[in-house]
Amino acid sequence: PLAVQASTTYTITQTNFSGTASGTYALAVVKKDLTVQADSKSKIYGSADPSLTATSNGLVLGDTLTGSLTRTEGENVGTYPIGQGTLAIADEKAGNYNFFFTESTFTIDAKAIEVTASNASKTYGDSDPSSFAYITDGLVGLDKLEGSLARKSGEDVGDYTITGTLTNSNYAVTLIDGTFTIK
């Protein structure tokens, strides 16, 4: 067998059965195209990143890729490019390939949380509290919600819904109304 290196020209001489040369031919070995596409990935805000992977087409003879992909830093909801990072063909085989890399996207999706407005009350004729409390589970780190709660208007004895808008761009907030009772 002929051992070849990429981008090198070899001369091949063909000999017929009687031992005389019947022609000389040039053999050019060219680099193989290798395409690598980063796989799209996603996670929910606040969770750990999944492993970054890629799909390749064109590796031969047991050749492998080494290194790792990277993504643009950021932890808020949104999309971030997944780049080549240090991903490459093993050094001794790199000259055998034309390497083409295509980026992909890493998506961070909003975390779903429930927020429950706390029930409150007052005695008829007293002032309303200055604000209404809520209970939530699942906020990440020191995250806070913005907005406020209020009750339906009315001053007669009875029950009134506590509702409002609480938001944070990293969360899909579902508000469970509370009850404000005038005794």
N, C-alpha and C. Protein backbone atom coordinates (compact mmCIF):
# COMPACT_ATOMS: atom_id res chain seq x y z
N PRO A 1 0.84 -1.19 0.00
CA PRO A 1 0.00 0.00 0.00
C PRO A 1 0.87 1.24 0.00
N LEU A 2 0.34 2.28 -0.60
CA LEU A 2 1.04 3.54 -0.71
C LEU A 2 0.69 4.41 0.49
N ALA A 3 1.67 4.82 1.28
CA ALA A 3 1.44 5.73 2.40
C ALA A 3 1.48 7.14 1.85
N VAL A 4 0.43 7.93 2.12
CA VAL A 4 0.36 9.26 1.54
C VAL A 4 0.14 10.31 2.60
N GLN A 5 0.54 11.52 2.28
CA GLN A 5 0.30 12.68 3.13
C GLN A 5 -0.56 13.65 2.35
N ALA A 6 -1.34 14.45 3.04
CA ALA A 6 -2.23 15.39 2.39
C ALA A 6 -1.46 16.42 1.58
N SER A 7 -2.09 16.87 0.50
CA SER A 7 -1.57 17.94 -0.37
C SER A 7 -0.18 17.63 -0.92
N THR A 8 0.10 16.38 -1.19
CA THR A 8 1.38 15.97 -1.74
C THR A 8 1.11 15.27 -3.07
N THR A 9 1.98 15.45 -4.05
CA THR A 9 1.84 14.77 -5.33
C THR A 9 2.82 13.62 -5.38
N TYR A 10 2.33 12.47 -5.80
CA TYR A 10 3.13 11.25 -5.91
C TYR A 10 3.15 10.80 -7.36
N THR A 11 4.23 10.18 -7.77
CA THR A 11 4.31 9.61 -9.11
C THR A 11 4.10 8.11 -8.99
N ILE A 12 3.21 7.61 -9.82
CA ILE A 12 2.93 6.18 -9.83
C ILE A 12 3.36 5.65 -11.20
N THR A 13 4.14 4.63 -11.18
CA THR A 13 4.58 4.01 -12.44
C THR A 13 3.91 2.66 -12.56
N GLN A 14 3.24 2.45 -13.68
CA GLN A 14 2.56 1.18 -13.92
C GLN A 14 3.45 0.31 -14.78
N THR A 15 3.62 -0.91 -14.38
CA THR A 15 4.45 -1.84 -15.13
C THR A 15 3.57 -2.96 -15.64
N ASN A 16 3.76 -3.35 -16.96
CA ASN A 16 2.96 -4.47 -17.47
C ASN A 16 3.60 -5.79 -17.07
N PHE A 17 3.00 -6.87 -17.43
CA PHE A 17 3.47 -8.18 -16.99
C PHE A 17 4.86 -8.53 -17.48
N SER A 18 5.31 -7.93 -18.58
CA SER A 18 6.64 -8.27 -19.10
C SER A 18 7.73 -7.44 -18.43
N GLY A 19 7.34 -6.53 -17.54
CA GLY A 19 8.32 -5.76 -16.81
C GLY A 19 8.68 -4.43 -17.44
N THR A 20 8.02 -4.04 -18.53
CA THR A 20 8.33 -2.75 -19.12
C THR A 20 7.30 -1.72 -18.66
N ALA A 21 7.74 -0.48 -18.54
CA ALA A 21 6.84 0.58 -18.10
C ALA A 21 5.86 0.90 -19.21
N SER A 22 4.62 0.97 -18.87
CA SER A 22 3.62 1.32 -19.87
C SER A 22 3.04 2.70 -19.64
N GLY A 23 3.49 3.45 -18.65
CA GLY A 23 2.99 4.80 -18.42
C GLY A 23 3.32 5.29 -17.03
N THR A 24 3.38 6.59 -16.89
CA THR A 24 3.62 7.21 -15.59
C THR A 24 2.44 8.13 -15.30
N TYR A 25 1.93 8.08 -14.11
CA TYR A 25 0.76 8.85 -13.73
C TYR A 25 1.06 9.66 -12.48
N ALA A 26 0.44 10.80 -12.35
CA ALA A 26 0.58 11.63 -11.14
C ALA A 26 -0.66 11.42 -10.28
N LEU A 27 -0.45 11.26 -9.01
CA LEU A 27 -1.54 11.09 -8.06
C LEU A 27 -1.47 12.26 -7.09
N ALA A 28 -2.51 13.06 -7.03
CA ALA A 28 -2.55 14.18 -6.10
C ALA A 28 -3.51 13.83 -4.96
N VAL A 29 -3.01 13.91 -3.75
CA VAL A 29 -3.85 13.66 -2.57
C VAL A 29 -4.25 15.02 -2.03
N VAL A 30 -5.54 15.28 -1.96
CA VAL A 30 -6.02 16.59 -1.51
C VAL A 30 -6.69 16.46 -0.14
N LYS A 31 -6.79 17.58 0.53
CA LYS A 31 -7.42 17.60 1.86
C LYS A 31 -8.90 17.25 1.74
N LYS A 32 -9.39 16.56 2.76
CA LYS A 32 -10.81 16.20 2.84
C LYS A 32 -11.55 17.31 3.57
N ASP A 33 -12.74 17.64 3.08
CA ASP A 33 -13.57 18.63 3.77
C ASP A 33 -14.18 18.00 5.01
N LEU A 34 -14.07 18.71 6.13
CA LEU A 34 -14.67 18.28 7.40
C LEU A 34 -15.59 19.40 7.86
N THR A 35 -16.86 19.09 7.99
CA THR A 35 -17.81 20.08 8.49
C THR A 35 -18.21 19.70 9.91
N VAL A 36 -18.24 20.70 10.77
CA VAL A 36 -18.63 20.51 12.16
C VAL A 36 -19.71 21.54 12.48
N GLN A 37 -20.85 21.08 12.97
CA GLN A 37 -21.98 21.94 13.34
C GLN A 37 -22.21 21.81 14.84
N ALA A 38 -22.12 22.93 15.56
CA ALA A 38 -22.46 22.90 16.98
C ALA A 38 -23.94 22.56 17.11
N ASP A 39 -24.27 21.69 18.07
CA ASP A 39 -25.67 21.33 18.31
C ASP A 39 -26.32 22.41 19.17
N SER A 40 -27.55 22.79 18.82
CA SER A 40 -28.29 23.76 19.64
C SER A 40 -28.58 23.14 21.00
N LYS A 41 -28.51 23.97 22.05
CA LYS A 41 -28.77 23.51 23.41
C LYS A 41 -29.64 24.54 24.12
N SER A 42 -30.27 24.10 25.21
CA SER A 42 -31.07 25.03 26.01
C SER A 42 -31.11 24.56 27.45
N LYS A 43 -31.51 25.49 28.30
CA LYS A 43 -31.71 25.17 29.71
C LYS A 43 -32.74 26.14 30.26
N ILE A 44 -33.23 25.83 31.45
CA ILE A 44 -34.13 26.71 32.18
C ILE A 44 -33.27 27.63 33.04
N TYR A 45 -33.65 28.90 33.11
CA TYR A 45 -32.93 29.88 33.92
C TYR A 45 -32.65 29.31 35.32
N GLY A 46 -31.42 29.44 35.77
CA GLY A 46 -31.03 28.99 37.10
C GLY A 46 -30.51 27.57 37.18
N SER A 47 -30.67 26.78 36.11
CA SER A 47 -30.18 25.40 36.14
C SER A 47 -28.78 25.34 35.53
N ALA A 48 -28.15 24.19 35.69
CA ALA A 48 -26.79 23.99 35.17
C ALA A 48 -26.80 23.87 33.65
N ASP A 49 -25.72 24.30 33.02
CA ASP A 49 -25.59 24.15 31.57
C ASP A 49 -25.46 22.68 31.20
N PRO A 50 -26.11 22.26 30.11
CA PRO A 50 -25.86 20.91 29.60
C PRO A 50 -24.51 20.88 28.88
N SER A 51 -24.02 19.71 28.61
CA SER A 51 -22.77 19.57 27.85
C SER A 51 -22.98 20.09 26.43
N LEU A 52 -21.98 20.79 25.93
CA LEU A 52 -22.04 21.28 24.56
C LEU A 52 -21.49 20.21 23.63
N THR A 53 -22.21 19.93 22.56
CA THR A 53 -21.83 18.88 21.62
C THR A 53 -21.88 19.42 20.19
N ALA A 54 -21.30 18.66 19.29
CA ALA A 54 -21.30 19.02 17.88
C ALA A 54 -21.47 17.76 17.04
N THR A 55 -21.93 17.95 15.83
CA THR A 55 -22.07 16.87 14.87
C THR A 55 -21.07 17.13 13.75
N SER A 56 -20.28 16.09 13.41
CA SER A 56 -19.28 16.26 12.36
C SER A 56 -19.58 15.35 11.18
N ASN A 57 -19.08 15.76 10.02
CA ASN A 57 -19.24 14.96 8.81
C ASN A 57 -17.94 15.07 8.02
N GLY A 58 -17.26 13.94 7.86
CA GLY A 58 -16.06 13.94 7.04
C GLY A 58 -14.83 13.32 7.68
N LEU A 59 -14.87 13.01 8.97
CA LEU A 59 -13.71 12.37 9.60
C LEU A 59 -13.55 10.96 9.05
N VAL A 60 -12.30 10.54 8.80
CA VAL A 60 -12.04 9.21 8.27
C VAL A 60 -10.92 8.55 9.05
N LEU A 61 -10.77 7.26 8.85
CA LEU A 61 -9.66 6.47 9.37
C LEU A 61 -9.48 6.60 10.89
N GLY A 62 -10.57 6.77 11.62
CA GLY A 62 -10.49 6.86 13.08
C GLY A 62 -9.98 8.20 13.59
N ASP A 63 -9.86 9.20 12.71
CA ASP A 63 -9.43 10.52 13.16
C ASP A 63 -10.48 11.09 14.12
N THR A 64 -10.04 11.92 15.03
CA THR A 64 -10.94 12.45 16.05
C THR A 64 -10.76 13.95 16.23
N LEU A 65 -11.74 14.55 16.88
CA LEU A 65 -11.66 15.95 17.26
C LEU A 65 -11.23 16.02 18.72
N THR A 66 -10.52 17.07 19.07
CA THR A 66 -10.12 17.29 20.45
C THR A 66 -10.55 18.69 20.86
N GLY A 67 -10.54 18.96 22.15
CA GLY A 67 -10.90 20.28 22.65
C GLY A 67 -12.37 20.35 23.00
N SER A 68 -12.85 21.57 23.19
CA SER A 68 -14.24 21.74 23.60
C SER A 68 -14.84 23.00 23.01
N LEU A 69 -16.16 22.99 22.90
CA LEU A 69 -16.90 24.14 22.43
C LEU A 69 -17.07 25.13 23.58
N THR A 70 -17.40 26.36 23.26
CA THR A 70 -17.69 27.37 24.28
C THR A 70 -18.97 28.09 23.89
N ARG A 71 -19.58 28.73 24.88
CA ARG A 71 -20.71 29.58 24.58
C ARG A 71 -20.44 30.95 25.17
N THR A 72 -21.04 31.96 24.58
CA THR A 72 -20.91 33.31 25.10
C THR A 72 -21.46 33.34 26.52
N GLU A 73 -20.73 34.01 27.41
CA GLU A 73 -21.16 34.06 28.81
C GLU A 73 -22.47 34.81 28.95
N GLY A 74 -23.23 34.41 29.96
CA GLY A 74 -24.50 35.06 30.28
C GLY A 74 -25.41 34.07 30.95
N GLU A 75 -26.19 34.53 31.89
CA GLU A 75 -27.10 33.64 32.61
C GLU A 75 -28.54 34.11 32.57
N ASN A 76 -28.80 35.25 31.94
CA ASN A 76 -30.19 35.74 31.85
C ASN A 76 -30.89 35.09 30.67
N VAL A 77 -32.21 35.11 30.70
CA VAL A 77 -33.01 34.57 29.62
C VAL A 77 -32.59 35.22 28.31
N GLY A 78 -32.39 34.40 27.28
CA GLY A 78 -31.98 34.90 25.97
C GLY A 78 -31.25 33.83 25.20
N THR A 79 -30.64 34.23 24.09
CA THR A 79 -29.86 33.30 23.28
C THR A 79 -28.41 33.75 23.23
N TYR A 80 -27.53 32.78 23.20
CA TYR A 80 -26.09 33.01 23.22
C TYR A 80 -25.45 32.11 22.16
N PRO A 81 -24.47 32.63 21.39
CA PRO A 81 -23.81 31.79 20.39
C PRO A 81 -22.96 30.68 21.03
N ILE A 82 -22.98 29.53 20.40
CA ILE A 82 -22.06 28.44 20.75
C ILE A 82 -20.95 28.48 19.71
N GLY A 83 -19.72 28.69 20.18
CA GLY A 83 -18.58 28.83 19.28
C GLY A 83 -17.66 27.64 19.29
N GLN A 84 -16.67 27.67 18.41
CA GLN A 84 -15.74 26.56 18.23
C GLN A 84 -14.86 26.33 19.45
N GLY A 85 -14.57 27.37 20.21
CA GLY A 85 -13.70 27.20 21.37
C GLY A 85 -12.36 26.61 20.96
N THR A 86 -11.95 25.53 21.62
CA THR A 86 -10.68 24.88 21.30
C THR A 86 -10.87 23.62 20.44
N LEU A 87 -12.08 23.39 19.94
CA LEU A 87 -12.36 22.20 19.15
C LEU A 87 -11.54 22.20 17.87
N ALA A 88 -10.79 21.12 17.65
CA ALA A 88 -9.92 21.02 16.47
C ALA A 88 -9.67 19.55 16.17
N ILE A 89 -9.04 19.32 15.05
CA ILE A 89 -8.62 17.96 14.68
C ILE A 89 -7.30 17.71 15.40
N ALA A 90 -7.10 16.47 15.83
CA ALA A 90 -5.84 16.12 16.49
C ALA A 90 -4.67 16.64 15.65
N ASP A 91 -3.67 17.27 16.29
CA ASP A 91 -2.58 17.97 15.61
C ASP A 91 -1.96 17.20 14.44
N GLU A 92 -1.67 15.95 14.64
CA GLU A 92 -0.96 15.21 13.60
C GLU A 92 -1.84 14.95 12.37
N LYS A 93 -3.14 15.15 12.48
CA LYS A 93 -4.06 14.90 11.37
C LYS A 93 -4.65 16.19 10.79
N ALA A 94 -4.39 17.34 11.42
CA ALA A 94 -5.02 18.60 11.00
C ALA A 94 -4.73 18.94 9.54
N GLY A 95 -3.55 18.63 9.06
CA GLY A 95 -3.19 18.94 7.68
C GLY A 95 -3.95 18.14 6.64
N ASN A 96 -4.68 17.14 7.07
CA ASN A 96 -5.42 16.30 6.13
C ASN A 96 -6.82 16.82 5.82
N TYR A 97 -7.24 17.91 6.47
CA TYR A 97 -8.63 18.36 6.37
C TYR A 97 -8.73 19.86 6.10
N ASN A 98 -9.80 20.21 5.38
CA ASN A 98 -10.29 21.59 5.33
C ASN A 98 -11.40 21.64 6.38
N PHE A 99 -11.18 22.39 7.43
CA PHE A 99 -12.08 22.40 8.59
C PHE A 99 -13.09 23.55 8.46
N PHE A 100 -14.38 23.22 8.48
CA PHE A 100 -15.45 24.23 8.40
C PHE A 100 -16.34 24.07 9.63
N PHE A 101 -16.47 25.16 10.41
CA PHE A 101 -17.27 25.13 11.64
C PHE A 101 -18.46 26.06 11.51
N THR A 102 -19.62 25.59 11.99
CA THR A 102 -20.84 26.41 12.01
C THR A 102 -21.32 26.54 13.44
N GLU A 103 -21.48 27.79 13.88
CA GLU A 103 -21.99 28.06 15.22
C GLU A 103 -23.45 27.64 15.34
N SER A 104 -23.93 27.58 16.59
CA SER A 104 -25.33 27.32 16.86
C SER A 104 -25.73 28.22 18.03
N THR A 105 -26.90 27.98 18.59
CA THR A 105 -27.36 28.85 19.68
C THR A 105 -27.62 28.05 20.96
N PHE A 106 -27.35 28.74 22.05
CA PHE A 106 -27.65 28.23 23.39
C PHE A 106 -28.76 29.13 23.91
N THR A 107 -29.88 28.54 24.27
CA THR A 107 -31.04 29.31 24.71
C THR A 107 -31.29 29.09 26.20
N ILE A 108 -31.49 30.19 26.92
CA ILE A 108 -31.90 30.11 28.32
C ILE A 108 -33.36 30.54 28.37
N ASP A 109 -34.22 29.61 28.78
CA ASP A 109 -35.66 29.86 28.85
C ASP A 109 -36.05 30.31 30.25
N ALA A 110 -37.14 31.07 30.33
CA ALA A 110 -37.64 31.58 31.60
C ALA A 110 -38.04 30.42 32.52
N LYS A 111 -37.78 30.59 33.80
CA LYS A 111 -38.16 29.61 34.81
C LYS A 111 -39.59 29.91 35.25
N ALA A 112 -40.42 28.90 35.24
CA ALA A 112 -41.82 29.06 35.68
C ALA A 112 -41.88 29.02 37.20
N ILE A 113 -42.52 30.03 37.79
CA ILE A 113 -42.71 30.04 39.24
C ILE A 113 -44.14 30.48 39.55
N GLU A 114 -44.63 30.03 40.70
CA GLU A 114 -45.92 30.48 41.20
C GLU A 114 -45.70 31.43 42.35
N VAL A 115 -46.47 32.50 42.35
CA VAL A 115 -46.44 33.48 43.42
C VAL A 115 -47.84 33.54 43.99
N THR A 116 -47.94 33.41 45.30
CA THR A 116 -49.25 33.45 45.96
C THR A 116 -49.36 34.71 46.79
N ALA A 117 -50.37 35.51 46.47
CA ALA A 117 -50.63 36.71 47.28
C ALA A 117 -51.10 36.25 48.66
N SER A 118 -50.49 36.79 49.69
CA SER A 118 -50.87 36.41 51.05
C SER A 118 -52.22 37.03 51.40
N ASN A 119 -53.04 36.27 52.10
CA ASN A 119 -54.32 36.79 52.56
C ASN A 119 -54.07 37.86 53.61
N ALA A 120 -54.96 38.82 53.68
CA ALA A 120 -54.84 39.91 54.66
C ALA A 120 -56.24 40.32 55.09
N SER A 121 -56.29 41.11 56.16
CA SER A 121 -57.59 41.57 56.64
C SER A 121 -57.45 42.88 57.40
N LYS A 122 -58.60 43.51 57.64
CA LYS A 122 -58.66 44.68 58.50
C LYS A 122 -60.06 44.74 59.10
N THR A 123 -60.19 45.56 60.08
CA THR A 123 -61.50 45.80 60.69
C THR A 123 -62.14 46.98 59.97
N TYR A 124 -63.43 46.88 59.76
CA TYR A 124 -64.17 47.94 59.08
C TYR A 124 -63.82 49.29 59.68
N GLY A 125 -63.46 50.25 58.82
CA GLY A 125 -63.11 51.60 59.26
C GLY A 125 -61.61 51.82 59.43
N ASP A 126 -60.83 50.75 59.59
CA ASP A 126 -59.38 50.89 59.72
C ASP A 126 -58.76 51.15 58.34
N SER A 127 -57.51 51.59 58.34
CA SER A 127 -56.77 51.81 57.10
C SER A 127 -56.26 50.48 56.54
N ASP A 128 -56.16 50.44 55.23
CA ASP A 128 -55.56 49.28 54.56
C ASP A 128 -54.07 49.23 54.90
N PRO A 129 -53.46 48.05 54.84
CA PRO A 129 -52.00 47.97 55.00
C PRO A 129 -51.32 48.74 53.86
N SER A 130 -50.10 49.19 54.08
CA SER A 130 -49.40 49.98 53.07
C SER A 130 -48.97 49.13 51.86
N SER A 131 -48.84 47.84 52.06
CA SER A 131 -48.51 46.95 50.95
C SER A 131 -49.02 45.55 51.28
N PHE A 132 -49.07 44.71 50.26
CA PHE A 132 -49.52 43.34 50.43
C PHE A 132 -48.35 42.39 50.19
N ALA A 133 -48.28 41.37 51.00
CA ALA A 133 -47.18 40.41 50.92
C ALA A 133 -47.52 39.28 49.95
N TYR A 134 -46.49 38.57 49.55
CA TYR A 134 -46.69 37.40 48.71
C TYR A 134 -45.65 36.35 49.09
N ILE A 135 -45.95 35.12 48.71
CA ILE A 135 -45.07 33.99 48.99
C ILE A 135 -44.66 33.41 47.63
N THR A 136 -43.37 33.17 47.49
CA THR A 136 -42.90 32.54 46.27
C THR A 136 -41.81 31.54 46.62
N ASP A 137 -41.68 30.53 45.80
CA ASP A 137 -40.64 29.53 45.97
C ASP A 137 -40.00 29.34 44.61
N GLY A 138 -38.69 29.34 44.58
CA GLY A 138 -38.01 29.07 43.32
C GLY A 138 -37.22 30.22 42.75
N LEU A 139 -37.18 31.38 43.42
CA LEU A 139 -36.33 32.46 42.92
C LEU A 139 -34.87 32.04 43.07
N VAL A 140 -34.05 32.41 42.10
CA VAL A 140 -32.64 32.04 42.09
C VAL A 140 -31.82 33.12 42.78
N GLY A 141 -30.95 32.71 43.68
CA GLY A 141 -30.04 33.64 44.34
C GLY A 141 -30.75 34.78 45.02
N LEU A 142 -30.34 35.99 44.69
CA LEU A 142 -30.92 37.20 45.28
C LEU A 142 -31.95 37.86 44.36
N ASP A 143 -32.47 37.11 43.38
CA ASP A 143 -33.46 37.66 42.45
C ASP A 143 -34.67 38.19 43.21
N LYS A 144 -35.27 39.22 42.64
CA LYS A 144 -36.48 39.81 43.19
C LYS A 144 -37.49 39.99 42.08
N LEU A 145 -38.73 40.11 42.48
CA LEU A 145 -39.80 40.42 41.54
C LEU A 145 -40.11 41.90 41.63
N GLU A 146 -40.48 42.50 40.50
CA GLU A 146 -40.86 43.90 40.49
C GLU A 146 -42.36 43.99 40.26
N GLY A 147 -42.93 45.07 40.74
CA GLY A 147 -44.37 45.28 40.60
C GLY A 147 -45.01 45.37 41.97
N SER A 148 -46.31 45.27 42.00
CA SER A 148 -47.00 45.39 43.28
C SER A 148 -48.32 44.65 43.25
N LEU A 149 -48.84 44.47 44.44
CA LEU A 149 -50.16 43.86 44.62
C LEU A 149 -51.11 44.92 45.15
N ALA A 150 -52.35 44.77 44.82
CA ALA A 150 -53.39 45.68 45.32
C ALA A 150 -54.66 44.86 45.48
N ARG A 151 -55.61 45.43 46.22
CA ARG A 151 -56.88 44.74 46.37
C ARG A 151 -57.95 45.45 45.57
N LYS A 152 -59.00 44.72 45.24
CA LYS A 152 -60.15 45.34 44.58
C LYS A 152 -60.71 46.39 45.52
N SER A 153 -61.23 47.45 44.97
CA SER A 153 -61.73 48.54 45.81
C SER A 153 -63.05 48.17 46.48
N GLY A 154 -63.28 48.79 47.60
CA GLY A 154 -64.51 48.60 48.38
C GLY A 154 -64.21 48.75 49.85
N GLU A 155 -65.20 49.23 50.62
CA GLU A 155 -65.00 49.44 52.05
C GLU A 155 -66.04 48.74 52.90
N ASP A 156 -66.96 48.04 52.28
CA ASP A 156 -67.96 47.32 53.05
C ASP A 156 -67.38 46.01 53.57
N VAL A 157 -67.97 45.50 54.63
CA VAL A 157 -67.56 44.20 55.17
C VAL A 157 -67.70 43.16 54.06
N GLY A 158 -66.66 42.31 53.92
CA GLY A 158 -66.70 41.27 52.91
C GLY A 158 -65.29 40.92 52.43
N ASP A 159 -65.24 40.09 51.38
CA ASP A 159 -63.97 39.64 50.83
C ASP A 159 -63.68 40.35 49.50
N TYR A 160 -62.41 40.70 49.29
CA TYR A 160 -61.95 41.39 48.09
C TYR A 160 -60.69 40.67 47.58
N THR A 161 -60.58 40.55 46.27
CA THR A 161 -59.44 39.86 45.67
C THR A 161 -58.19 40.73 45.76
N ILE A 162 -57.08 40.08 46.15
CA ILE A 162 -55.76 40.71 46.09
C ILE A 162 -55.10 40.17 44.83
N THR A 163 -54.74 41.08 43.94
CA THR A 163 -54.11 40.69 42.69
C THR A 163 -53.08 41.75 42.30
N GLY A 164 -52.43 41.58 41.19
CA GLY A 164 -51.46 42.57 40.74
C GLY A 164 -50.54 42.00 39.68
N THR A 165 -49.43 42.68 39.51
CA THR A 165 -48.45 42.25 38.51
C THR A 165 -47.08 42.20 39.17
N LEU A 166 -46.47 41.03 39.13
CA LEU A 166 -45.12 40.83 39.63
C LEU A 166 -44.31 40.21 38.50
N THR A 167 -43.19 40.82 38.17
CA THR A 167 -42.43 40.35 37.00
C THR A 167 -40.93 40.33 37.27
N ASN A 168 -40.25 39.56 36.46
CA ASN A 168 -38.79 39.52 36.36
C ASN A 168 -38.55 38.83 35.03
N SER A 169 -37.73 39.40 34.17
CA SER A 169 -37.56 38.86 32.82
C SER A 169 -37.01 37.43 32.77
N ASN A 170 -36.48 36.93 33.87
CA ASN A 170 -35.97 35.56 33.90
C ASN A 170 -37.01 34.54 34.34
N TYR A 171 -38.23 35.00 34.60
CA TYR A 171 -39.27 34.11 35.13
C TYR A 171 -40.57 34.25 34.35
N ALA A 172 -41.28 33.15 34.26
CA ALA A 172 -42.67 33.14 33.79
C ALA A 172 -43.51 33.03 35.06
N VAL A 173 -44.06 34.15 35.51
CA VAL A 173 -44.73 34.23 36.81
C VAL A 173 -46.22 33.95 36.67
N THR A 174 -46.71 33.03 37.49
CA THR A 174 -48.14 32.80 37.61
C THR A 174 -48.55 33.28 39.00
N LEU A 175 -49.47 34.25 39.05
CA LEU A 175 -49.91 34.82 40.32
C LEU A 175 -51.20 34.16 40.76
N ILE A 176 -51.19 33.67 41.98
CA ILE A 176 -52.40 33.12 42.59
C ILE A 176 -52.94 34.21 43.51
N ASP A 177 -54.14 34.67 43.19
CA ASP A 177 -54.73 35.77 43.96
C ASP A 177 -54.92 35.41 45.42
N GLY A 178 -54.89 36.43 46.25
CA GLY A 178 -55.19 36.28 47.67
C GLY A 178 -56.53 36.91 47.99
N THR A 179 -56.91 36.83 49.23
CA THR A 179 -58.18 37.41 49.68
C THR A 179 -57.93 38.44 50.76
N PHE A 180 -58.55 39.59 50.59
CA PHE A 180 -58.52 40.65 51.60
C PHE A 180 -59.90 40.71 52.22
N THR A 181 -59.94 40.52 53.54
CA THR A 181 -61.22 40.46 54.23
C THR A 181 -61.39 41.71 55.11
N ILE A 182 -62.54 42.35 54.95
CA ILE A 182 -62.90 43.44 55.86
C ILE A 182 -63.90 42.86 56.83
N LYS A 183 -63.51 42.91 58.12
CA LYS A 183 -64.34 42.31 59.18
C LYS A 183 -65.23 43.38 59.80
